[in-house]
């Protein structure tokens, strides 16, 4: 029966188009990047077909380490704030009677080109914008009031706050760009969560905060991990946001890779850093898969224990009735 099913099963045949697409547009380009990382640099044609580890040695130079640490900082801070904003949003959406409406509102930004959204933020954060003017007027009012009261340095002058071309601008726009990617997996995890567990925790004496942190958060761990990955990895390799709203203090690894290819023509070094991003992404994906697998195993074990307990109760009832 099994052999007959295997002969008539057309499933593997249907996977060929997707497999071919995945190979041509993902596997082969990735292999080319890995190959270029181990070749020797040539200013005119990009690389020389000669094995070299020079690109990986250059990665450990202090000036490159600073770029990497800055990228990690911006990506980590942006991801942390994004997750903190996405958790209450995802929870509120899952518990709301208007889930469809909120889902549409979250997905709407995807219907607009990302460049348009970034340029919109440039207009908002610009020096002459209503936002910047209002904030600086507010700060200047308190600054002048402070000095009129005889406090502070009388000779000091108010220095306007600049929002554009700063590290904070990159963090702010990154949060806006990738917040939907964090809300959706958290919403899905919360929507599948059994809220009877929270009621049970409250019945056992846990406070509302304790039940949230000790029952809900571990219960939606897979959604949080997915949100972390969908947010951190794109921000870590981002190029457009730091290029358009960032300055010298927000030069990230994505900008560095593009400059190595277009300006310096150091393709092996750019490929080496691209391999680093790929390795980090693969580790994160494996972590997400492992978390989902563990959660599924725990759920399966819990279902078995519930079924066993129900069977024992049924047996006890039958035995009592027989007596």
Protein backbone atom coordinates (compact mmCIF):
# COMPACT_ATOMS: atom_id res chain seq x y z
CA UNK A 1 0.00 0.00 0.00
CA UNK A 2 2.80 2.35 0.92
CA UNK A 3 4.81 1.56 -2.22
CA UNK A 4 1.73 2.03 -4.39
CA UNK A 5 1.04 5.38 -2.74
CA UNK A 6 4.62 6.49 -3.32
CA UNK A 7 4.37 5.60 -7.01
CA UNK A 8 1.12 7.51 -7.50
CA UNK A 9 1.91 10.43 -5.19
CA UNK A 10 2.64 13.51 -7.36
CA UNK A 11 3.75 15.67 -4.38
CA UNK A 12 7.53 15.59 -5.08
CA UNK A 13 6.87 16.58 -8.70
CA UNK A 14 4.94 19.68 -7.59
CA UNK A 15 7.87 20.81 -5.43
CA UNK A 16 10.24 21.09 -8.39
CA UNK A 17 9.19 24.63 -9.47
CA UNK A 18 9.63 25.99 -5.95
CA UNK A 19 12.90 24.08 -5.55
CA UNK A 20 14.22 25.46 -8.84
CA UNK A 21 13.18 29.01 -7.92
CA UNK A 22 14.82 28.67 -4.48
CA UNK A 23 18.02 27.30 -6.01
CA UNK A 24 18.36 29.92 -8.76
CA UNK A 25 17.46 33.01 -6.72
CA UNK A 26 18.78 32.06 -3.28
CA UNK A 27 21.24 29.17 -3.15
CA UNK A 28 23.34 30.10 -6.18
CA UNK A 29 23.69 33.84 -5.27
CA UNK A 30 24.57 32.83 -1.71
CA UNK A 31 27.25 30.43 -2.96
CA UNK A 32 28.68 33.18 -5.19
CA UNK A 33 28.92 35.54 -2.19
CA UNK A 34 30.66 32.86 -0.12
CA UNK A 35 33.06 32.16 -3.03
CA UNK A 36 33.91 35.86 -3.45
CA UNK A 37 34.73 36.10 0.26
CA UNK A 38 37.60 33.65 -0.25
CA UNK A 39 39.05 35.31 -3.35
CA UNK A 40 41.68 38.02 -3.73
CA UNK A 41 40.70 41.61 -4.35
CA UNK A 42 41.28 43.31 -7.73
CA UNK A 43 40.57 47.02 -8.20
CA UNK A 44 39.59 46.72 -11.86
CA UNK A 45 37.62 43.49 -12.23
CA UNK A 46 36.52 43.02 -8.60
CA UNK A 47 38.27 39.76 -7.75
CA UNK A 48 41.13 37.58 -8.87
CA UNK A 49 40.60 33.82 -9.03
CA UNK A 50 43.09 33.18 -6.26
CA UNK A 51 42.27 31.76 -2.82
CA UNK A 52 42.80 34.25 -0.01
CA UNK A 53 41.72 34.81 3.61
CA UNK A 54 42.62 38.51 3.50
CA UNK A 55 38.97 39.62 3.62
CA UNK A 56 38.33 37.72 6.86
CA UNK A 57 41.55 39.10 8.37
CA UNK A 58 40.46 42.66 7.55
CA UNK A 59 37.16 42.10 9.38
CA UNK A 60 39.02 42.15 12.71
CA UNK A 61 40.45 45.63 12.21
CA UNK A 62 39.35 48.10 14.95
CA UNK A 63 37.64 50.52 12.55
CA UNK A 64 35.45 47.74 11.22
CA UNK A 65 34.72 46.48 14.73
CA UNK A 66 33.36 49.95 15.60
CA UNK A 67 30.93 49.77 12.66
CA UNK A 68 29.83 46.29 13.71
CA UNK A 69 29.29 47.31 17.35
CA UNK A 70 27.36 50.42 16.28
CA UNK A 71 25.17 48.27 14.04
CA UNK A 72 24.54 45.83 16.88
CA UNK A 73 23.63 48.70 19.20
CA UNK A 74 21.16 50.32 16.79
CA UNK A 75 19.60 46.97 15.86
CA UNK A 76 19.34 45.83 19.50
CA UNK A 77 17.80 49.09 20.78
CA UNK A 78 15.38 49.30 17.85
CA UNK A 79 14.36 45.65 18.28
CA UNK A 80 13.87 45.99 22.05
CA UNK A 81 11.63 49.06 21.72
CA UNK A 82 9.74 47.44 18.82
CA UNK A 83 9.00 44.30 20.87
CA UNK A 84 7.91 46.37 23.87
CA UNK A 85 5.46 48.22 21.62
CA UNK A 86 4.33 45.10 19.76
CA UNK A 87 3.48 43.06 22.88
CA UNK A 88 0.56 45.24 24.09
CA UNK A 89 -0.56 45.85 20.51
CA UNK A 90 -0.62 42.13 19.68
CA UNK A 91 -2.38 41.33 22.95
CA UNK A 92 -5.03 44.02 22.44
CA UNK A 93 -5.66 42.87 18.86
CA UNK A 94 -6.03 39.22 19.89
CA UNK A 95 -8.52 40.10 22.65
CA UNK A 96 -10.48 42.58 20.56
CA UNK A 97 -13.77 41.89 18.78
CA UNK A 98 -12.48 43.90 15.80
CA UNK A 99 -9.46 41.79 14.87
CA UNK A 100 -10.01 42.17 11.13
CA UNK A 101 -10.06 45.96 11.35
CA UNK A 102 -6.87 46.08 13.40
CA UNK A 103 -5.14 43.61 11.08
CA UNK A 104 -5.99 45.81 8.10
CA UNK A 105 -4.62 48.88 9.92
CA UNK A 106 -1.37 47.02 10.67
CA UNK A 107 -1.00 45.76 7.11
CA UNK A 108 -1.79 49.11 5.43
CA UNK A 109 1.84 50.39 5.66
CA UNK A 110 2.93 47.40 3.53
CA UNK A 111 0.82 48.80 0.69
CA UNK A 112 3.08 51.87 0.49
CA UNK A 113 6.59 51.85 -0.90
CA UNK A 114 9.19 51.88 1.87
CA UNK A 115 11.08 54.79 0.28
CA UNK A 116 7.94 56.92 0.39
CA UNK A 117 7.54 56.20 4.11
CA UNK A 118 11.18 57.06 4.81
CA UNK A 119 10.93 60.35 2.88
CA UNK A 120 7.77 61.13 4.84
CA UNK A 121 9.80 60.80 8.04
CA UNK A 122 12.46 63.08 6.54
CA UNK A 123 9.78 65.74 6.16
CA UNK A 124 8.58 65.15 9.73
CA UNK A 125 12.05 65.27 11.30
CA UNK A 126 13.44 68.09 9.12
CA UNK A 127 14.69 71.27 10.77
CA UNK A 128 11.86 73.41 9.39
CA UNK A 129 9.09 70.90 9.96
CA UNK A 130 6.18 71.54 12.33
CA UNK A 131 7.38 68.71 14.55
CA UNK A 132 10.94 70.01 14.96
CA UNK A 133 9.80 73.62 15.30
CA UNK A 134 7.23 72.72 17.95
CA UNK A 135 9.65 70.60 19.99
CA UNK A 136 12.39 73.23 19.87
CA UNK A 137 9.92 76.00 20.78
CA UNK A 138 8.77 73.92 23.75
CA UNK A 139 12.34 73.32 24.95
CA UNK A 140 13.34 76.94 24.36
CA UNK A 141 10.39 78.16 26.47
CA UNK A 142 11.52 76.09 29.46
CA UNK A 143 15.15 77.09 28.84
CA UNK A 144 14.28 80.80 28.89
CA UNK A 145 12.02 80.38 31.95
CA UNK A 146 14.80 78.53 33.75
CA UNK A 147 17.23 81.41 33.15
CA UNK A 148 14.71 84.12 34.04
CA UNK A 149 14.40 82.45 37.42
CA UNK A 150 18.13 83.00 37.89
CA UNK A 151 19.04 79.35 37.49
CA UNK A 152 21.75 78.06 35.23
CA UNK A 153 24.42 79.93 33.29
CA UNK A 154 23.17 83.39 32.27
CA UNK A 155 25.50 83.51 29.26
CA UNK A 156 24.34 80.16 27.90
CA UNK A 157 22.24 80.17 24.72
CA UNK A 158 19.70 77.61 23.70
CA UNK A 159 20.94 75.18 21.07
CA UNK A 160 18.19 73.75 18.86
CA UNK A 161 17.76 69.99 18.90
CA UNK A 162 18.46 68.33 15.55
CA UNK A 163 16.46 65.19 14.78
CA UNK A 164 17.59 64.42 11.26
CA UNK A 165 20.87 62.66 10.41
CA UNK A 166 21.32 61.23 13.89
CA UNK A 167 21.42 57.79 15.45
CA UNK A 168 18.09 58.42 17.17
CA UNK A 169 16.45 59.17 13.82
CA UNK A 170 17.62 55.80 12.48
CA UNK A 171 16.24 54.03 15.57
CA UNK A 172 12.90 55.88 15.36
CA UNK A 173 12.35 55.19 11.64
CA UNK A 174 13.51 51.57 12.02
CA UNK A 175 10.93 51.03 14.76
CA UNK A 176 8.22 52.46 12.52
CA UNK A 177 9.32 50.40 9.51
CA UNK A 178 9.46 47.03 11.26
CA UNK A 179 6.78 47.33 13.95
CA UNK A 180 4.19 45.45 11.81
CA UNK A 181 6.67 42.55 11.44
CA UNK A 182 6.70 42.24 15.23
CA UNK A 183 2.99 42.75 15.85
CA UNK A 184 1.75 40.04 13.49
CA UNK A 185 3.61 36.99 14.96
CA UNK A 186 2.86 38.13 18.51
CA UNK A 187 -0.81 38.59 17.61
CA UNK A 188 -0.90 35.07 16.13
CA UNK A 189 0.70 33.54 19.23
CA UNK A 190 -1.62 35.39 21.63
CA UNK A 191 -4.66 34.47 19.54
CA UNK A 192 -3.80 30.75 19.91
CA UNK A 193 -3.04 31.03 23.63
CA UNK A 194 -5.39 29.31 26.08
CA UNK A 195 -6.49 32.11 28.40
CA UNK A 196 -7.96 29.57 30.82
CA UNK A 197 -4.37 29.16 32.03
CA UNK A 198 -4.38 32.78 33.20
CA UNK A 199 -7.59 32.18 35.12
CA UNK A 200 -6.08 29.08 36.70
CA UNK A 201 -3.00 31.06 37.73
CA UNK A 202 -5.19 33.74 39.30
CA UNK A 203 -7.16 31.04 41.16
CA UNK A 204 -3.89 29.68 42.55
CA UNK A 205 -3.02 33.07 44.04
CA UNK A 206 -0.98 34.75 41.31
CA UNK A 207 -1.48 38.46 40.73
CA UNK A 208 -2.42 39.78 37.29
CA UNK A 209 1.16 40.87 36.61
CA UNK A 210 2.58 37.53 37.79
CA UNK A 211 0.16 35.56 35.61
CA UNK A 212 1.13 37.71 32.62
CA UNK A 213 4.90 37.33 33.07
CA UNK A 214 4.96 33.71 34.28
CA UNK A 215 2.16 32.22 32.18
CA UNK A 216 1.35 34.39 29.15
CA UNK A 217 4.88 35.42 28.13
CA UNK A 218 6.28 31.83 28.25
CA UNK A 219 3.13 30.66 26.46
CA UNK A 220 3.72 32.98 23.49
CA UNK A 221 7.48 32.48 23.42
CA UNK A 222 7.48 31.29 19.80
CA UNK A 223 5.69 34.46 18.68
CA UNK A 224 8.13 36.68 20.57
CA UNK A 225 11.13 34.82 19.11
CA UNK A 226 9.68 35.19 15.60
CA UNK A 227 9.11 38.91 16.20
CA UNK A 228 12.69 39.30 17.42
CA UNK A 229 14.07 37.62 14.30
CA UNK A 230 11.77 39.43 11.85
CA UNK A 231 12.84 42.73 13.41
CA UNK A 232 16.50 42.34 14.35
CA UNK A 233 17.79 40.73 11.13
CA UNK A 234 16.36 43.36 8.70
CA UNK A 235 17.51 46.25 10.92
CA UNK A 236 20.97 44.68 11.33
CA UNK A 237 21.46 44.58 7.56
CA UNK A 238 19.53 47.77 6.75
CA UNK A 239 20.90 50.18 4.18
CA UNK A 240 18.11 52.55 3.13
CA UNK A 241 17.09 53.90 6.55
CA UNK A 242 20.60 54.84 7.80
CA UNK A 243 21.47 56.14 4.34
CA UNK A 244 18.50 58.54 4.15
CA UNK A 245 17.95 59.66 7.76
CA UNK A 246 21.26 58.79 9.42
CA UNK A 247 24.55 60.62 9.77
CA UNK A 248 28.15 59.83 10.57
CA UNK A 249 27.23 58.38 13.95
CA UNK A 250 24.77 55.93 12.35
CA UNK A 251 26.93 54.44 9.58
CA UNK A 252 25.94 50.77 9.66
CA UNK A 253 27.22 47.53 8.20
CA UNK A 254 24.71 47.67 5.32
CA UNK A 255 26.12 51.04 4.21
CA UNK A 256 29.62 49.67 4.64
CA UNK A 257 28.94 46.70 2.34
CA UNK A 258 27.47 48.92 -0.39
CA UNK A 259 30.41 51.35 -0.19
CA UNK A 260 32.93 48.49 -0.40
CA UNK A 261 31.28 47.34 -3.64
CA UNK A 262 30.51 50.68 -5.32
CA UNK A 263 33.27 53.01 -4.12
CA UNK A 264 36.26 50.97 -2.95
CA UNK A 265 35.54 47.91 -5.13
CA UNK A 266 36.62 45.57 -2.36
CA UNK A 267 34.22 42.77 -3.23
CA UNK A 268 35.82 40.09 -1.04
CA UNK A 269 35.50 42.23 2.11
CA UNK A 270 31.89 43.10 1.28
CA UNK A 271 31.19 39.40 0.69
CA UNK A 272 32.83 38.47 4.00
CA UNK A 273 30.57 40.83 5.93
CA UNK A 274 27.59 39.55 3.92
CA UNK A 275 28.52 36.00 4.96
CA UNK A 276 28.60 37.21 8.58
CA UNK A 277 25.05 38.59 8.27
CA UNK A 278 23.94 35.34 6.62
CA UNK A 279 25.42 33.22 9.41
CA UNK A 280 23.71 35.38 12.06
CA UNK A 281 20.42 35.05 10.16
CA UNK A 282 20.74 31.27 9.90
CA UNK A 283 21.49 30.95 13.61
CA UNK A 284 18.44 33.07 14.41
CA UNK A 285 16.22 30.99 12.11
CA UNK A 286 17.45 27.74 13.69
CA UNK A 287 16.71 29.23 17.10
CA UNK A 288 13.18 30.08 15.98
CA UNK A 289 12.62 26.58 14.58
CA UNK A 290 13.98 24.98 17.73
CA UNK A 291 11.72 27.14 19.90
CA UNK A 292 8.68 26.22 17.81
CA UNK A 293 9.64 22.53 17.96
CA UNK A 294 10.01 22.63 21.74
CA UNK A 295 6.68 24.42 22.14
CA UNK A 296 4.96 21.84 19.90
CA UNK A 297 6.52 18.98 21.89
CA UNK A 298 5.38 20.48 25.20
CA UNK A 299 1.88 20.98 23.81
CA UNK A 300 1.79 17.39 22.56
CA UNK A 301 2.97 16.11 25.93
CA UNK A 302 0.36 18.24 27.69
CA UNK A 303 -2.38 16.83 25.44
CA UNK A 304 -1.23 13.28 26.21
CA UNK A 305 -1.26 13.98 29.94
CA UNK A 306 -4.76 15.48 29.67
CA UNK A 307 -6.00 12.46 27.73
CA UNK A 308 -4.41 10.09 30.27
CA UNK A 309 -5.95 11.99 33.17
CA UNK A 310 -9.36 11.92 31.46
CA UNK A 311 -9.00 8.17 30.90
CA UNK A 312 -8.12 7.58 34.55
CA UNK A 313 -11.13 9.62 35.66
CA UNK A 314 -13.40 7.65 33.32
CA UNK A 315 -12.04 4.36 34.66
CA UNK A 316 -12.55 5.49 38.23
CA UNK A 317 -16.15 6.46 37.46
CA UNK A 318 -16.82 3.13 35.76
CA UNK A 319 -15.27 1.17 38.62
CA UNK A 320 -17.35 3.11 41.13
CA UNK A 321 -20.50 2.44 39.15
CA UNK A 322 -19.69 -1.26 38.94
CA UNK A 323 -19.30 -1.47 42.71
